[in-house]
Amino acid sequence: MPRTVRDVVFVDGVRTPFGKAGPKGIYHETRADDLVVKAIRELLRRNPGLDPKKIDEVAIAATTQIGDQGLTLGRTAGILAGLPQSVPGYSIDRMCASALTAVTTAAGSVAFGAYDAVIAGGVEHMGRHPMGEGVDPNPRFVSDKLVDESALFMGMTAENLHDRYPTITKQRADEYAVRSQEKAAKAYANGKIQQDLVPISVRNTNAEVGETGWGLVTADEPMRPGTTLENLAGLKTPFRVHGRVTAGNAAGLNDGATASIIASEEFAREHDLPVRMRLVSYAFAGVEPEVMGYGPIPATEKALAKAGLSIEDINLFEINEAFAVQVLAFLEHYGIADDDARVNQYGGAIAYGHPLASSGVRLMTQLARQFEEQPEVRYGLTTMCVGFGMGATVIWENPHHKDAGGDK
């Protein structure tokens, strides 16, 4: 029988506070799957109109699918979160864009009519599972000159992107990083971020005395408010002598989880669920792995073409800040100023952190809040660069806009 594509909406999104990876990080004694379980439970608490029995799928992303991030995480996290055993689940991986891909994969199924409502998100515990743990890249990538060796190291690809854009100097990257920290601090001061954070109880230990008690995490750990250009100027450039990429103008190594509810618009309205964003189009694109940060540009071109829109139609941008140079390359390509007010209004990953597979939903959650505050904006996008040479972009419509059909 012929099928009709249905409108897909972003109902809600939450995340844990992000932590610093490593022994001194807030989540060092916390399991990765427990982080995503807390996010799922918070979604259900916030949306009592969603009967857990009506959830059709749980799609949870992880880049390093090993240990407490393995074992078909969508299924196991769903059971741990208390969902009925009738609710299936699966894991998904597209490195940095994994949670974003969990959303678009689920959205395609909702549009087709296979699902009505899905939980989609991601988790990355880079303290327990460093990027690349257990992987064995085929030596032919380098020996057959399919890629340059630098393609295997994300920081080196960022230096390569600086080479492609000689106008993007280290000072420009540092200036962008300072603004990200300032915007994040302002967003916290104005209560923009906390409303979508899931407080996490954590076990505290000391190497000499063992457990020292429990704490409650309610804020992102990586943020460095008060960062100045002077602070950043003297940082080491670990990927190249006299390079331009530093720990100050790039996202760090982080732990954290996100989760969202994706549904058909009909289902959402029928069950009194909020319609916070309407999906317009999405696209993925491949680029040279050596300059993976370029990926958002062709991905955005494809997504805009599919939507019949131009970059001038987009008035809010949530761009993942894996590296400042990657964001600046995107802005330069489209003739957008480095400090354009439409871009990353709450700051980005340089301040909050970038737990790889989880970050896509953070972008969506922040965009949804901005849509609520700015009903005059009709279209926004979330976009990311992806390891080994890819880009990912999703275009969203603001349901609060006068020409968008309106909120419920």
Protein backbone atom coordinates (compact mmCIF):
# COMPACT_ATOMS: atom_id res chain seq x y z
CA MET A 1 0.00 0.00 0.00
CA PRO A 2 1.23 3.56 -0.61
CA ARG A 3 2.57 5.37 2.44
CA THR A 4 2.42 9.03 3.40
CA VAL A 5 5.39 10.70 5.05
CA ARG A 6 4.45 12.17 8.44
CA ASP A 7 5.78 15.31 10.12
CA VAL A 8 8.40 14.54 12.75
CA VAL A 9 8.91 16.70 15.84
CA PHE A 10 11.43 17.13 18.62
CA VAL A 11 9.35 16.77 21.78
CA ASP A 12 11.96 17.24 24.49
CA GLY A 13 15.63 16.78 25.23
CA VAL A 14 17.74 16.55 28.37
CA ARG A 15 21.34 15.88 29.26
CA THR A 16 23.56 15.21 32.19
CA PRO A 17 26.01 17.91 33.14
CA PHE A 18 29.20 17.21 31.19
CA GLY A 19 32.33 16.23 33.09
CA LYS A 20 36.06 16.19 32.50
CA ALA A 21 37.41 12.79 31.52
CA GLY A 22 39.97 11.15 33.75
CA PRO A 23 40.63 10.22 37.39
CA LYS A 24 39.88 13.74 38.62
CA GLY A 25 36.63 14.07 36.65
CA ILE A 26 33.25 14.10 38.35
CA TYR A 27 32.12 10.85 36.68
CA HIS A 28 35.27 8.81 37.25
CA GLU A 29 33.34 6.40 39.52
CA THR A 30 30.09 6.52 37.51
CA ARG A 31 29.17 4.03 34.80
CA ALA A 32 28.43 5.26 31.29
CA ASP A 33 25.15 3.34 31.03
CA ASP A 34 23.96 4.81 34.33
CA LEU A 35 24.40 8.31 32.89
CA VAL A 36 22.10 7.63 29.96
CA VAL A 37 19.63 5.79 32.21
CA LYS A 38 19.26 8.94 34.33
CA ALA A 39 18.61 10.98 31.18
CA ILE A 40 15.89 8.59 29.98
CA ARG A 41 14.20 8.59 33.37
CA GLU A 42 14.18 12.38 33.44
CA LEU A 43 12.55 12.51 30.01
CA LEU A 44 9.75 10.25 31.24
CA ARG A 45 9.29 12.31 34.40
CA ARG A 46 9.05 15.54 32.42
CA ASN A 47 6.58 14.12 29.90
CA PRO A 48 3.88 12.21 31.80
CA GLY A 49 1.69 12.19 28.69
CA LEU A 50 4.04 9.65 27.13
CA ASP A 51 3.02 6.15 28.20
CA PRO A 52 6.28 4.13 28.31
CA LYS A 53 4.44 1.26 26.64
CA LYS A 54 3.96 3.47 23.59
CA ILE A 55 7.69 4.05 23.06
CA ASP A 56 8.54 2.14 19.89
CA GLU A 57 12.34 2.20 20.06
CA VAL A 58 15.35 3.34 22.10
CA ALA A 59 18.30 4.39 19.92
CA ILE A 60 21.37 5.18 22.02
CA ALA A 61 24.71 6.14 20.50
CA ALA A 62 28.25 5.49 21.69
CA THR A 63 31.46 5.94 19.74
CA THR A 64 33.50 3.46 21.74
CA GLN A 65 31.10 0.55 22.09
CA ILE A 66 32.92 -1.42 24.73
CA GLY A 67 32.50 -2.19 28.43
CA ASP A 68 29.72 -0.17 30.05
CA GLN A 69 29.07 1.51 26.67
CA GLY A 70 28.57 -1.79 24.88
CA LEU A 71 26.01 -4.60 24.87
CA THR A 72 23.38 -3.02 22.58
CA LEU A 73 23.13 0.04 24.78
CA GLY A 74 19.69 1.17 23.62
CA ARG A 75 18.15 -2.09 24.80
CA THR A 76 20.05 -2.41 28.07
CA ALA A 77 19.62 1.27 29.02
CA GLY A 78 15.89 1.01 28.32
CA ILE A 79 15.52 -1.93 30.67
CA LEU A 80 17.65 -0.25 33.35
CA ALA A 81 15.55 2.91 33.02
CA GLY A 82 12.41 0.94 33.80
CA LEU A 83 10.87 0.80 30.34
CA PRO A 84 8.63 -2.19 29.63
CA GLN A 85 10.51 -5.19 28.28
CA SER A 86 8.36 -4.90 25.16
CA VAL A 87 10.30 -1.75 24.15
CA PRO A 88 13.24 -2.67 21.88
CA GLY A 89 16.50 -0.78 21.51
CA TYR A 90 19.78 -0.65 19.65
CA SER A 91 23.17 1.07 19.54
CA ILE A 92 24.45 3.39 16.86
CA ASP A 93 27.79 4.99 15.97
CA ARG A 94 28.83 7.86 13.74
CA MET A 95 31.57 9.15 16.02
CA CYS A 96 30.89 12.82 16.94
CA ALA A 97 27.52 12.82 15.17
CA SER A 98 26.29 9.62 16.78
CA ALA A 99 23.44 11.12 18.84
CA LEU A 100 22.49 13.29 15.87
CA THR A 101 22.37 10.14 13.74
CA ALA A 102 20.29 8.36 16.38
CA VAL A 103 17.78 11.19 16.05
CA THR A 104 17.71 11.22 12.24
CA THR A 105 17.52 7.44 12.00
CA ALA A 106 14.62 7.38 14.43
CA ALA A 107 13.02 10.32 12.64
CA GLY A 108 13.11 8.48 9.32
CA SER A 109 11.27 5.57 10.89
CA VAL A 110 8.70 7.90 12.42
CA ALA A 111 8.17 9.69 9.10
CA PHE A 112 7.68 6.34 7.36
CA GLY A 113 5.12 5.28 9.94
CA ALA A 114 7.04 2.39 11.47
CA TYR A 115 7.24 4.23 14.82
CA ASP A 116 5.16 6.85 16.62
CA ALA A 117 7.55 7.83 19.42
CA VAL A 118 11.22 7.06 20.00
CA ILE A 119 13.87 7.88 22.58
CA ALA A 120 17.15 8.85 20.89
CA GLY A 121 20.38 10.03 22.44
CA GLY A 122 23.95 9.14 23.22
CA VAL A 123 26.62 8.72 25.83
CA GLU A 124 30.39 8.92 25.93
CA HIS A 125 32.55 8.22 28.96
CA MET A 126 35.94 9.22 27.61
CA GLY A 127 37.48 8.77 31.05
CA ARG A 128 36.63 5.07 31.09
CA HIS A 129 36.95 4.60 27.33
CA PRO A 130 39.46 6.88 25.57
CA MET A 131 38.71 7.65 21.96
CA GLY A 132 40.02 4.78 19.85
CA GLU A 133 40.16 2.26 22.68
CA GLY A 134 40.33 -1.25 21.28
CA VAL A 135 40.21 -0.21 17.62
CA ASP A 136 42.61 -1.54 15.01
CA PRO A 137 42.73 0.76 11.96
CA ASN A 138 43.57 -1.15 8.82
CA PRO A 139 47.21 -0.36 7.95
CA ARG A 140 46.25 -0.06 4.28
CA PHE A 141 44.68 3.33 4.99
CA VAL A 142 48.18 4.74 5.25
CA SER A 143 50.30 2.19 3.36
CA ASP A 144 48.06 2.41 0.27
CA LYS A 145 47.93 6.21 0.68
CA LEU A 146 44.14 6.19 0.97
CA VAL A 147 44.51 8.84 3.66
CA ASP A 148 47.34 10.77 5.23
CA GLU A 149 48.31 9.58 8.70
CA SER A 150 47.03 12.85 10.12
CA ALA A 151 43.47 11.73 9.31
CA LEU A 152 43.63 9.40 12.31
CA PHE A 153 44.26 12.23 14.78
CA MET A 154 41.49 14.80 15.13
CA GLY A 155 43.77 17.56 16.41
CA MET A 156 46.02 17.17 13.38
CA THR A 157 43.01 17.44 11.05
CA ALA A 158 42.20 20.76 12.74
CA GLU A 159 45.73 21.98 12.03
CA ASN A 160 45.24 20.88 8.41
CA LEU A 161 42.04 22.92 8.25
CA HIS A 162 43.95 25.97 9.46
CA ASP A 163 46.28 25.36 6.51
CA ARG A 164 43.31 25.35 4.12
CA TYR A 165 42.05 28.63 5.60
CA PRO A 166 45.17 30.77 6.16
CA THR A 167 42.95 33.70 7.14
CA ILE A 168 41.85 31.73 10.23
CA THR A 169 44.73 32.56 12.52
CA LYS A 170 45.37 31.28 16.02
CA GLN A 171 44.29 34.65 17.37
CA ARG A 172 40.94 34.40 15.57
CA ALA A 173 40.46 30.91 16.99
CA ASP A 174 41.35 32.12 20.48
CA GLU A 175 39.00 35.10 20.18
CA TYR A 176 36.20 32.74 19.19
CA ALA A 177 36.99 30.49 22.16
CA VAL A 178 36.82 33.40 24.58
CA ARG A 179 33.38 34.35 23.23
CA SER A 180 32.17 30.77 23.64
CA GLN A 181 33.17 30.80 27.30
CA GLU A 182 31.56 34.20 27.82
CA LYS A 183 28.28 33.16 26.18
CA ALA A 184 28.15 29.93 28.18
CA ALA A 185 28.72 31.80 31.44
CA LYS A 186 25.97 34.27 30.52
CA ALA A 187 23.58 31.44 29.60
CA TYR A 188 24.19 29.86 33.02
CA ALA A 189 23.72 33.20 34.78
CA ASN A 190 20.40 33.63 32.99
CA GLY A 191 19.20 30.09 33.76
CA LYS A 192 19.12 28.97 30.12
CA ILE A 193 21.04 25.72 30.58
CA GLN A 194 20.07 24.36 33.98
CA GLN A 195 16.44 23.70 33.07
CA ASP A 196 17.46 20.83 30.77
CA LEU A 197 20.16 19.32 32.98
CA VAL A 198 19.64 16.06 34.88
CA PRO A 199 21.25 16.19 38.34
CA ILE A 200 23.52 13.17 38.83
CA SER A 201 24.55 11.63 42.14
CA VAL A 202 28.21 10.63 42.07
CA ARG A 203 30.44 8.56 44.32
CA ASN A 204 33.57 10.32 45.55
CA THR A 205 36.71 8.36 46.33
CA ASN A 206 40.25 8.98 47.45
CA ALA A 207 43.10 6.71 46.40
CA GLU A 208 44.36 6.48 49.99
CA VAL A 209 41.16 6.22 52.04
CA GLY A 210 38.63 4.85 49.54
CA GLU A 211 35.08 6.19 49.43
CA THR A 212 34.69 9.67 50.88
CA GLY A 213 30.99 10.18 50.28
CA TRP A 214 28.50 11.12 47.61
CA GLY A 215 27.83 14.35 45.79
CA LEU A 216 25.27 15.82 43.41
CA VAL A 217 26.42 17.15 40.04
CA THR A 218 24.26 20.02 38.79
CA ALA A 219 26.58 21.98 36.45
CA ASP A 220 29.04 21.37 33.63
CA GLU A 221 32.56 20.76 34.88
CA PRO A 222 34.69 21.84 31.86
CA MET A 223 33.59 25.48 31.76
CA ARG A 224 36.28 28.12 32.29
CA PRO A 225 34.49 31.42 32.91
CA GLY A 226 36.76 34.39 32.89
CA THR A 227 38.99 32.98 30.15
CA THR A 228 40.96 35.74 28.42
CA LEU A 229 43.05 36.00 25.28
CA GLU A 230 46.09 36.35 27.50
CA ASN A 231 45.23 33.01 29.16
CA LEU A 232 45.01 31.29 25.79
CA ALA A 233 48.00 32.90 24.10
CA GLY A 234 50.59 30.88 25.97
CA LEU A 235 48.99 27.43 25.73
CA LYS A 236 50.92 24.64 24.04
CA THR A 237 50.08 23.50 20.52
CA PRO A 238 50.31 19.72 21.02
CA PHE A 239 49.56 18.65 17.46
CA ARG A 240 52.19 20.73 15.67
CA VAL A 241 55.20 22.82 16.65
CA HIS A 242 54.15 26.46 16.40
CA GLY A 243 50.64 25.26 15.53
CA ARG A 244 47.32 26.94 16.14
CA VAL A 245 45.18 24.32 17.92
CA THR A 246 45.33 24.33 21.73
CA ALA A 247 43.35 23.00 24.65
CA GLY A 248 41.84 26.47 24.90
CA ASN A 249 40.34 26.73 21.41
CA ALA A 250 39.10 23.14 21.17
CA ALA A 251 36.68 20.95 23.08
CA GLY A 252 38.22 18.76 25.74
CA LEU A 253 37.90 15.07 26.59
CA ASN A 254 34.61 14.66 28.37
CA ASP A 255 31.97 12.38 29.88
CA GLY A 256 28.21 12.82 29.58
CA ALA A 257 24.90 11.63 28.16
CA THR A 258 21.88 13.04 26.34
CA ALA A 259 18.40 11.79 25.48
CA SER A 260 15.45 13.11 23.49
CA ILE A 261 11.91 12.19 22.50
CA ILE A 262 11.25 12.16 18.76
CA ALA A 263 7.66 11.60 17.62
CA SER A 264 5.19 12.14 14.85
CA GLU A 265 3.48 15.49 15.25
CA GLU A 266 0.09 13.80 15.25
CA PHE A 267 1.12 11.50 18.12
CA ALA A 268 2.62 14.36 20.10
CA ARG A 269 -0.49 16.48 19.93
CA GLU A 270 -2.79 13.55 20.60
CA HIS A 271 -0.87 12.74 23.81
CA ASP A 272 -0.45 16.32 24.98
CA LEU A 273 3.29 16.34 24.40
CA PRO A 274 5.11 19.59 23.55
CA VAL A 275 6.08 20.29 19.96
CA ARG A 276 9.36 22.13 20.38
CA MET A 277 10.85 21.78 16.90
CA ARG A 278 9.69 20.36 13.58
CA LEU A 279 12.21 18.48 11.45
CA VAL A 280 12.61 19.94 7.97
CA SER A 281 15.52 18.03 6.42
CA TYR A 282 18.84 16.42 7.23
CA ALA A 283 21.94 15.39 5.34
CA PHE A 284 25.33 13.78 5.80
CA ALA A 285 28.36 14.34 3.61
CA GLY A 286 31.84 12.91 3.25
CA VAL A 287 34.98 15.01 2.86
CA GLU A 288 38.72 14.34 2.86
CA PRO A 289 39.44 12.71 6.23
CA GLU A 290 42.50 14.92 6.61
CA VAL A 291 40.23 17.99 6.92
CA MET A 292 37.24 16.46 8.65
CA GLY A 293 36.29 19.84 10.14
CA TYR A 294 35.18 20.97 6.68
CA GLY A 295 32.34 18.42 6.78
CA PRO A 296 29.50 20.69 8.00
CA ILE A 297 29.74 22.80 4.85
CA PRO A 298 28.74 20.20 2.22
CA ALA A 299 26.33 18.58 4.69
CA THR A 300 24.58 21.93 5.12
CA GLU A 301 24.52 22.50 1.36
CA LYS A 302 22.76 19.16 0.91
CA ALA A 303 20.30 19.76 3.73
CA LEU A 304 19.42 23.23 2.44
CA ALA A 305 18.89 21.90 -1.09
CA LYS A 306 16.61 19.13 0.17
CA ALA A 307 14.58 21.69 2.11
CA GLY A 308 14.41 24.21 -0.73
CA LEU A 309 16.05 26.80 1.51
CA SER A 310 19.13 29.00 1.37
CA ILE A 311 21.57 29.92 4.11
CA GLU A 312 19.80 33.30 4.34
CA ASP A 313 16.69 31.49 5.60
CA ILE A 314 18.57 30.17 8.64
CA ASN A 315 18.51 32.55 11.58
CA LEU A 316 19.79 30.37 14.41
CA PHE A 317 22.86 28.14 14.21
CA GLU A 318 23.98 25.49 16.69
CA ILE A 319 27.43 24.41 15.46
CA ASN A 320 29.40 21.88 17.47
CA GLU A 321 32.67 23.42 18.57
CA ALA A 322 34.99 20.44 18.29
CA PHE A 323 37.60 23.02 17.28
CA ALA A 324 37.23 26.76 16.85
CA VAL A 325 38.75 26.55 13.36
CA GLN A 326 36.00 24.19 12.24
CA VAL A 327 33.27 26.67 13.22
CA LEU A 328 35.18 29.57 11.70
CA ALA A 329 35.64 27.70 8.41
CA PHE A 330 31.86 27.20 8.23
CA LEU A 331 31.19 30.86 8.98
CA GLU A 332 33.80 32.07 6.52
CA HIS A 333 32.38 29.86 3.77
CA TYR A 334 28.95 31.42 4.20
CA GLY A 335 30.14 34.98 4.77
CA ILE A 336 28.94 35.01 8.37
CA ALA A 337 30.85 37.14 10.89
CA ASP A 338 32.83 35.37 13.61
CA ASP A 339 30.71 37.08 16.27
CA ASP A 340 27.33 36.84 14.51
CA ALA A 341 24.61 36.89 17.18
CA ARG A 342 22.72 34.02 15.50
CA VAL A 343 25.53 31.54 16.12
CA ASN A 344 25.77 29.42 19.29
CA GLN A 345 23.90 31.93 21.40
CA TYR A 346 24.48 29.95 24.60
CA GLY A 347 28.11 29.11 23.81
CA GLY A 348 29.28 25.70 22.70
CA ALA A 349 31.48 22.67 23.20
CA ILE A 350 34.63 24.70 23.82
CA ALA A 351 32.95 25.71 27.09
CA TYR A 352 30.59 22.82 27.89
CA GLY A 353 32.65 19.92 26.57
CA HIS A 354 32.09 17.36 23.83
CA PRO A 355 31.39 13.79 25.01
CA LEU A 356 31.52 12.51 21.45
CA ALA A 357 28.41 10.42 20.83
CA SER A 358 26.15 12.54 23.04
CA SER A 359 26.70 16.07 21.72
CA GLY A 360 24.18 16.14 18.86
CA VAL A 361 21.21 16.21 21.21
CA ARG A 362 22.80 19.00 23.27
CA LEU A 363 22.76 21.15 20.14
CA MET A 364 19.09 20.33 19.56
CA THR A 365 18.08 21.05 23.14
CA GLN A 366 19.76 24.44 23.05
CA LEU A 367 18.18 25.29 19.69
CA ALA A 368 14.74 24.32 21.00
CA ARG A 369 15.13 26.76 23.90
CA GLN A 370 16.15 29.52 21.51
CA PHE A 371 13.12 28.83 19.32
CA GLU A 372 10.85 29.32 22.35
CA GLU A 373 12.50 32.63 23.15
CA GLN A 374 12.54 33.89 19.55
CA PRO A 375 9.25 33.09 17.79
CA GLU A 376 10.23 35.53 15.03
CA VAL A 377 12.83 32.98 13.87
CA ARG A 378 11.41 30.32 11.58
CA TYR A 379 14.41 28.09 10.72
CA GLY A 380 17.51 26.97 12.57
CA LEU A 381 20.08 24.23 12.12
CA THR A 382 22.28 21.91 14.11
CA THR A 383 25.52 20.82 12.47
CA MET A 384 28.68 18.90 13.35
CA CYS A 385 31.94 17.73 11.89
CA VAL A 386 32.56 14.00 12.17
CA GLY A 387 35.75 11.99 12.53
CA PHE A 388 37.28 10.37 9.46
CA GLY A 389 35.89 13.02 7.16
CA MET A 390 32.15 13.63 7.44
CA GLY A 391 29.65 16.32 8.23
CA ALA A 392 26.09 16.16 9.57
CA THR A 393 23.34 18.81 9.44
CA VAL A 394 19.71 18.90 10.54
CA ILE A 395 17.40 21.80 9.66
CA TRP A 396 14.54 22.53 12.04
CA GLU A 397 11.43 24.71 11.88
CA ASN A 398 10.24 26.75 14.84
CA PRO A 399 6.62 25.74 15.60
CA HIS A 400 6.13 29.04 17.44
CA HIS A 401 6.64 31.04 14.23
CA LYS A 402 3.48 32.60 12.80
CA ASP A 403 3.92 30.83 9.44
CA ALA A 404 4.83 27.42 10.86
CA GLY A 405 1.41 26.16 11.89
CA GLY A 406 1.83 27.22 15.51
CA ASP A 407 2.48 25.39 18.74
CA LYS A 408 -0.20 23.30 20.43
